Amino acid sequence: MGTIKGSSIKVIKVVLTGHNVEHDNVVILADKHTMPYLDGRSRSTKTRLPLDALIQASIYDINIRDFAPFGIRQLVKFSYRFLSISVKSLARSALY
């Protein structure tokens, strides 16, 4: 996950406690090396995230598809695509 700074945790807390909480269920997946920065066990972070929103997992596929962007107030259609897919290949496919 790279370097986690206090500001990153503040952003995650805004997501967890911010908008339309009654309709959202936010879960953070982290590997065992990143988890101490999120659950408060690391001395380098003074804040922690709620334990019920954290799941330790080995994340082999970074392109997890079962999630939605936050901050949406109405139903919208969205799709995720690999960044490496070219516009030309999208034009030839049914995705475009």
C-alpha atoms as a PDB file:
ATOM      1  CA  MET A   1       0.000   0.000   0.000  1.00  0.00           C
ATOM      2  CA  GLY A   2       2.996   2.289   0.220  1.00  0.00           C
ATOM      3  CA  THR A   3       3.631   4.921   2.849  1.00  0.00           C
ATOM      4  CA  ILE A   4       0.637   5.761   4.988  1.00  0.00           C
ATOM      5  CA  LYS A   5       0.623   9.199   6.545  1.00  0.00           C
ATOM      6  CA  GLY A   6      -1.723  10.709   9.108  1.00  0.00           C
ATOM      7  CA  SER A   7      -3.454  12.683   6.371  1.00  0.00           C
ATOM      8  CA  SER A   8      -4.308   9.439   4.537  1.00  0.00           C
ATOM      9  CA  ILE A   9      -5.997   8.099   7.651  1.00  0.00           C
ATOM     10  CA  LYS A  10      -7.913  11.383   8.021  1.00  0.00           C
ATOM     11  CA  VAL A  11      -9.234  10.991   4.468  1.00  0.00           C
ATOM     12  CA  ILE A  12     -10.327   7.413   5.201  1.00  0.00           C
ATOM     13  CA  LYS A  13     -12.092   8.606   8.384  1.00  0.00           C
ATOM     14  CA  VAL A  14     -14.028  11.170   6.346  1.00  0.00           C
ATOM     15  CA  VAL A  15     -15.196   8.359   4.068  1.00  0.00           C
ATOM     16  CA  LEU A  16     -16.178   6.211   7.054  1.00  0.00           C
ATOM     17  CA  THR A  17     -18.033   8.920   8.985  1.00  0.00           C
ATOM     18  CA  GLY A  18     -19.111  11.381   6.312  1.00  0.00           C
ATOM     19  CA  HIS A  19     -22.014  11.238   3.911  1.00  0.00           C
ATOM     20  CA  ASN A  20     -25.161   9.058   3.952  1.00  0.00           C
ATOM     21  CA  VAL A  21     -23.785   6.729   6.590  1.00  0.00           C
ATOM     22  CA  GLU A  22     -27.142   4.991   6.916  1.00  0.00           C
ATOM     23  CA  HIS A  23     -26.792   3.729   3.330  1.00  0.00           C
ATOM     24  CA  ASP A  24     -23.077   2.999   3.203  1.00  0.00           C
ATOM     25  CA  ASN A  25     -21.049   0.109   4.522  1.00  0.00           C
ATOM     26  CA  VAL A  26     -17.386   0.981   4.123  1.00  0.00           C
ATOM     27  CA  VAL A  27     -14.791  -1.745   4.624  1.00  0.00           C
ATOM     28  CA  ILE A  28     -11.034  -1.267   4.295  1.00  0.00           C
ATOM     29  CA  LEU A  29      -8.965  -4.239   3.094  1.00  0.00           C
ATOM     30  CA  ALA A  30      -5.293  -4.216   4.078  1.00  0.00           C
ATOM     31  CA  ASP A  31      -2.452  -6.707   4.140  1.00  0.00           C
ATOM     32  CA  LYS A  32      -0.738  -7.715   7.394  1.00  0.00           C
ATOM     33  CA  HIS A  33       2.083  -5.208   6.872  1.00  0.00           C
ATOM     34  CA  THR A  34      -0.286  -2.261   6.388  1.00  0.00           C
ATOM     35  CA  MET A  35      -2.796  -3.183   9.111  1.00  0.00           C
ATOM     36  CA  PRO A  36      -0.742  -1.767  12.060  1.00  0.00           C
ATOM     37  CA  TYR A  37      -0.876   1.690  10.458  1.00  0.00           C
ATOM     38  CA  LEU A  38      -4.661   1.521  10.264  1.00  0.00           C
ATOM     39  CA  ASP A  39      -5.572  -0.139  13.572  1.00  0.00           C
ATOM     40  CA  GLY A  40      -3.334   2.013  15.789  1.00  0.00           C
ATOM     41  CA  ARG A  41      -0.577  -0.503  16.589  1.00  0.00           C
ATOM     42  CA  SER A  42       2.135   1.498  14.821  1.00  0.00           C
ATOM     43  CA  ARG A  43       3.963   4.165  16.836  1.00  0.00           C
ATOM     44  CA  SER A  44       4.144   6.355  13.732  1.00  0.00           C
ATOM     45  CA  THR A  45       0.383   6.967  13.676  1.00  0.00           C
ATOM     46  CA  LYS A  46      -1.496   8.575  16.544  1.00  0.00           C
ATOM     47  CA  THR A  47      -4.951   7.755  15.236  1.00  0.00           C
ATOM     48  CA  ARG A  48      -6.687   4.530  14.284  1.00  0.00           C
ATOM     49  CA  LEU A  49      -9.643   3.468  12.210  1.00  0.00           C
ATOM     50  CA  PRO A  50     -12.645   1.602  13.654  1.00  0.00           C
ATOM     51  CA  LEU A  51     -11.806  -2.084  13.969  1.00  0.00           C
ATOM     52  CA  ASP A  52     -15.184  -3.152  12.545  1.00  0.00           C
ATOM     53  CA  ALA A  53     -14.273  -1.424   9.256  1.00  0.00           C
ATOM     54  CA  LEU A  54     -10.921  -3.217   8.848  1.00  0.00           C
ATOM     55  CA  ILE A  55     -10.318  -6.624   7.300  1.00  0.00           C
ATOM     56  CA  GLN A  56      -6.874  -8.156   7.028  1.00  0.00           C
ATOM     57  CA  ALA A  57      -6.512  -9.970   3.725  1.00  0.00           C
ATOM     58  CA  SER A  58      -3.938 -11.017   1.191  1.00  0.00           C
ATOM     59  CA  ILE A  59      -4.912  -8.943  -1.802  1.00  0.00           C
ATOM     60  CA  TYR A  60      -3.652 -10.688  -4.914  1.00  0.00           C
ATOM     61  CA  ASP A  61      -5.788  -8.821  -7.441  1.00  0.00           C
ATOM     62  CA  ILE A  62      -5.597  -5.065  -7.045  1.00  0.00           C
ATOM     63  CA  ASN A  63      -8.420  -4.706  -9.574  1.00  0.00           C
ATOM     64  CA  ILE A  64     -11.218  -5.680  -7.212  1.00  0.00           C
ATOM     65  CA  ARG A  65     -14.501  -4.954  -8.994  1.00  0.00           C
ATOM     66  CA  ASP A  66     -17.125  -5.240  -6.219  1.00  0.00           C
ATOM     67  CA  PHE A  67     -17.142  -1.685  -4.950  1.00  0.00           C
ATOM     68  CA  ALA A  68     -18.649   1.682  -5.784  1.00  0.00           C
ATOM     69  CA  PRO A  69     -17.287   5.215  -5.586  1.00  0.00           C
ATOM     70  CA  PHE A  70     -18.290   7.112  -2.456  1.00  0.00           C
ATOM     71  CA  GLY A  71     -20.269  10.331  -2.358  1.00  0.00           C
ATOM     72  CA  ILE A  72     -22.942   9.187  -4.808  1.00  0.00           C
ATOM     73  CA  ARG A  73     -26.417  10.417  -3.831  1.00  0.00           C
ATOM     74  CA  GLN A  74     -28.363   8.639  -6.556  1.00  0.00           C
ATOM     75  CA  LEU A  75     -28.046   5.465  -8.587  1.00  0.00           C
ATOM     76  CA  VAL A  76     -25.492   5.748 -11.366  1.00  0.00           C
ATOM     77  CA  LYS A  77     -24.021   3.319 -13.848  1.00  0.00           C
ATOM     78  CA  PHE A  78     -20.249   3.008 -13.690  1.00  0.00           C
ATOM     79  CA  SER A  79     -17.577   0.617 -14.866  1.00  0.00           C
ATOM     80  CA  TYR A  80     -13.896   0.165 -14.132  1.00  0.00           C
ATOM     81  CA  ARG A  81     -11.385  -0.434 -16.889  1.00  0.00           C
ATOM     82  CA  PHE A  82      -7.699  -1.196 -16.875  1.00  0.00           C
ATOM     83  CA  LEU A  83      -5.663   1.935 -17.466  1.00  0.00           C
ATOM     84  CA  SER A  84      -3.641   0.147 -20.117  1.00  0.00           C
ATOM     85  CA  ILE A  85      -6.647  -0.436 -22.382  1.00  0.00           C
ATOM     86  CA  SER A  86      -6.279   1.848 -25.375  1.00  0.00           C
ATOM     87  CA  VAL A  87      -9.090   3.915 -26.843  1.00  0.00           C
ATOM     88  CA  LYS A  88      -8.680   2.013 -30.108  1.00  0.00           C
ATOM     89  CA  SER A  89      -9.262  -1.351 -28.437  1.00  0.00           C
ATOM     90  CA  LEU A  90     -12.262   0.070 -26.559  1.00  0.00           C
ATOM     91  CA  ALA A  91     -13.758   1.303 -29.822  1.00  0.00           C
ATOM     92  CA  ARG A  92     -13.569  -2.235 -31.219  1.00  0.00           C
ATOM     93  CA  SER A  93     -15.148  -3.808 -28.153  1.00  0.00           C
ATOM     94  CA  ALA A  94     -18.620  -3.770 -26.656  1.00  0.00           C
ATOM     95  CA  LEU A  95     -17.303  -1.839 -23.632  1.00  0.00           C
ATOM     96  CA  TYR A  96     -17.131   1.480 -25.478  1.00  0.00           C
END
